[in-house]
Amino acid sequence: MIQRIFYDGTDITDLLKAGKWSHPVSGIQYPPNKEPLEIEGVYLVDAPDPEPEEFSVVLRDTFTSLEFFESFTDAEQLAIVQVTMTNAQVKLWYDKMIAALKIDLKDPRTALGLTALVTAGLLTQARKDELLTPRQ
């Protein structure tokens, strides 16, 4: 529980703590070395602790080319680059991937490119599915 300070139904906690509240009747600026309850008309209210902010994870399905390529392990990256020298289908996908402004996991071209990597033996189907799953 936290305590809030009120005067005549108005929460003055922050003003009082900042020294920016004066008593509307006497005009005295507070706080002058007085506890809030010593000020005429002021009362404390136990307020519940604020609810913690809900934390939600937002999963993304679009990435920059670099972010997407960094989703691959170092070994996968090296294998892909090596195969681009002998496999035109993988080379074409790789070139389009690095030229793209964004990689959209829902774009059929992304799935087709990853299928080419599966066909070339660079990824398993399970790894392809993992790479196509939205993430942070």
Protein backbone atom coordinates (compact mmCIF):
# COMPACT_ATOMS: atom_id res chain seq x y z
CA MET A 1 0.00 0.00 0.00
CA ILE A 2 1.13 3.53 -0.71
CA GLN A 3 -0.13 6.66 0.94
CA ARG A 4 -1.59 9.53 -1.03
CA ILE A 5 -2.12 12.98 0.51
CA PHE A 6 -5.45 14.73 -0.06
CA TYR A 7 -6.97 18.13 0.70
CA ASP A 8 -10.69 18.61 0.13
CA GLY A 9 -10.87 15.53 -2.10
CA THR A 10 -7.94 16.56 -4.32
CA ASP A 11 -4.76 14.49 -4.46
CA ILE A 12 -1.94 16.91 -3.58
CA THR A 13 0.78 14.29 -2.96
CA ASP A 14 3.09 15.30 -5.80
CA LEU A 15 2.55 19.05 -5.30
CA LEU A 16 3.18 18.80 -1.56
CA LYS A 17 6.34 16.75 -2.02
CA ALA A 18 7.62 19.23 -4.60
CA GLY A 19 6.90 22.18 -2.30
CA LYS A 20 4.41 23.63 -4.78
CA TRP A 21 1.23 23.52 -2.72
CA SER A 22 -0.10 26.30 -0.58
CA HIS A 23 -3.05 26.02 1.77
CA PRO A 24 -6.04 27.60 0.02
CA VAL A 25 -7.35 29.21 3.25
CA SER A 26 -4.18 30.31 5.06
CA GLY A 27 -2.04 30.76 1.94
CA ILE A 28 0.92 29.14 3.71
CA GLN A 29 3.32 27.42 1.32
CA TYR A 30 3.96 23.79 2.26
CA PRO A 31 5.84 21.80 3.28
CA PRO A 32 7.47 23.99 5.95
CA ASN A 33 8.81 21.30 8.44
CA LYS A 34 5.36 19.85 9.09
CA GLU A 35 4.04 16.39 8.59
CA PRO A 36 1.07 16.36 6.20
CA LEU A 37 -1.40 15.45 8.96
CA GLU A 38 -0.41 18.60 10.89
CA ILE A 39 -1.79 20.73 8.04
CA GLU A 40 -5.43 21.66 8.60
CA GLY A 41 -7.77 19.80 6.23
CA VAL A 42 -5.12 17.41 4.91
CA TYR A 43 -5.62 13.68 5.23
CA LEU A 44 -3.86 10.53 4.10
CA VAL A 45 -5.40 7.72 2.12
CA ASP A 46 -3.92 4.28 1.76
CA ALA A 47 -4.01 3.52 -1.92
CA PRO A 48 -3.31 0.13 -3.41
CA ASP A 49 0.04 -0.32 -5.03
CA PRO A 50 -0.20 0.37 -8.73
CA GLU A 51 -0.74 -2.70 -10.86
CA PRO A 52 2.43 -3.71 -12.63
CA GLU A 53 2.38 -2.82 -16.28
CA GLU A 54 1.52 -5.75 -18.42
CA PHE A 55 4.46 -6.86 -20.46
CA SER A 56 3.58 -8.23 -23.80
CA VAL A 57 5.97 -9.69 -26.28
CA VAL A 58 5.44 -8.49 -29.79
CA LEU A 59 6.42 -11.06 -32.36
CA ARG A 60 7.72 -9.72 -35.63
CA ASP A 61 7.38 -11.24 -39.04
CA THR A 62 9.42 -8.68 -40.98
CA PHE A 63 13.15 -8.13 -40.65
CA THR A 64 15.97 -6.35 -42.41
CA SER A 65 18.10 -8.61 -44.59
CA LEU A 66 20.88 -8.52 -42.01
CA GLU A 67 18.52 -9.34 -39.13
CA PHE A 68 17.12 -12.26 -41.09
CA PHE A 69 20.50 -13.61 -42.15
CA GLU A 70 21.69 -13.33 -38.54
CA SER A 71 18.87 -15.76 -37.68
CA PHE A 72 21.02 -18.45 -39.26
CA THR A 73 23.85 -19.99 -37.27
CA ASP A 74 27.41 -19.14 -38.29
CA ALA A 75 27.80 -22.62 -39.78
CA GLU A 76 24.57 -22.22 -41.77
CA GLN A 77 25.68 -18.81 -43.06
CA LEU A 78 29.03 -20.18 -44.23
CA ALA A 79 27.42 -23.20 -45.86
CA ILE A 80 24.91 -21.00 -47.70
CA VAL A 81 27.66 -18.71 -49.02
CA GLN A 82 29.74 -21.70 -50.14
CA VAL A 83 26.81 -23.29 -51.98
CA THR A 84 26.03 -20.00 -53.78
CA MET A 85 29.17 -20.64 -55.84
CA THR A 86 27.76 -23.84 -57.34
CA ASN A 87 23.97 -23.74 -56.96
CA ALA A 88 22.20 -21.12 -59.08
CA GLN A 89 18.88 -21.50 -57.23
CA VAL A 90 20.51 -20.82 -53.83
CA LYS A 91 22.61 -17.99 -55.34
CA LEU A 92 19.51 -16.32 -56.76
CA TRP A 93 17.68 -16.54 -53.42
CA TYR A 94 20.74 -15.27 -51.54
CA ASP A 95 21.18 -12.29 -53.90
CA LYS A 96 17.49 -11.36 -53.64
CA MET A 97 17.62 -11.76 -49.85
CA ILE A 98 20.57 -9.39 -49.42
CA ALA A 99 19.07 -6.89 -51.90
CA ALA A 100 15.65 -6.82 -50.23
CA LEU A 101 14.68 -3.84 -48.07
CA LYS A 102 12.87 -6.24 -45.77
CA ILE A 103 12.32 -9.93 -45.36
CA ASP A 104 8.69 -10.83 -44.72
CA LEU A 105 8.20 -14.29 -43.23
CA LYS A 106 4.74 -14.40 -44.84
CA ASP A 107 6.11 -13.66 -48.31
CA PRO A 108 6.02 -16.86 -50.41
CA ARG A 109 9.45 -15.98 -51.83
CA THR A 110 10.94 -16.34 -48.34
CA ALA A 111 9.52 -19.84 -47.98
CA LEU A 112 10.61 -20.78 -51.51
CA GLY A 113 14.13 -19.63 -50.80
CA LEU A 114 14.27 -21.62 -47.58
CA THR A 115 12.89 -24.63 -49.46
CA ALA A 116 15.82 -24.28 -51.86
CA LEU A 117 18.14 -24.42 -48.85
CA VAL A 118 16.37 -27.57 -47.62
CA THR A 119 16.66 -29.12 -51.10
CA ALA A 120 20.38 -28.27 -51.18
CA GLY A 121 20.79 -30.03 -47.81
CA LEU A 122 21.69 -26.83 -45.96
CA LEU A 123 18.65 -26.85 -43.66
CA THR A 124 16.24 -29.41 -42.30
CA GLN A 125 12.51 -28.93 -42.76
CA ALA A 126 12.24 -28.34 -39.01
CA ARG A 127 14.88 -25.58 -39.21
CA LYS A 128 13.05 -23.99 -42.15
CA ASP A 129 9.83 -23.99 -40.12
CA GLU A 130 11.68 -22.43 -37.18
CA LEU A 131 13.09 -19.64 -39.40
CA LEU A 132 9.58 -18.91 -40.72
CA THR A 133 8.14 -18.53 -37.20
CA PRO A 134 7.57 -14.91 -36.07
CA ARG A 135 9.93 -13.85 -33.28
CA GLN A 136 11.12 -10.83 -31.35
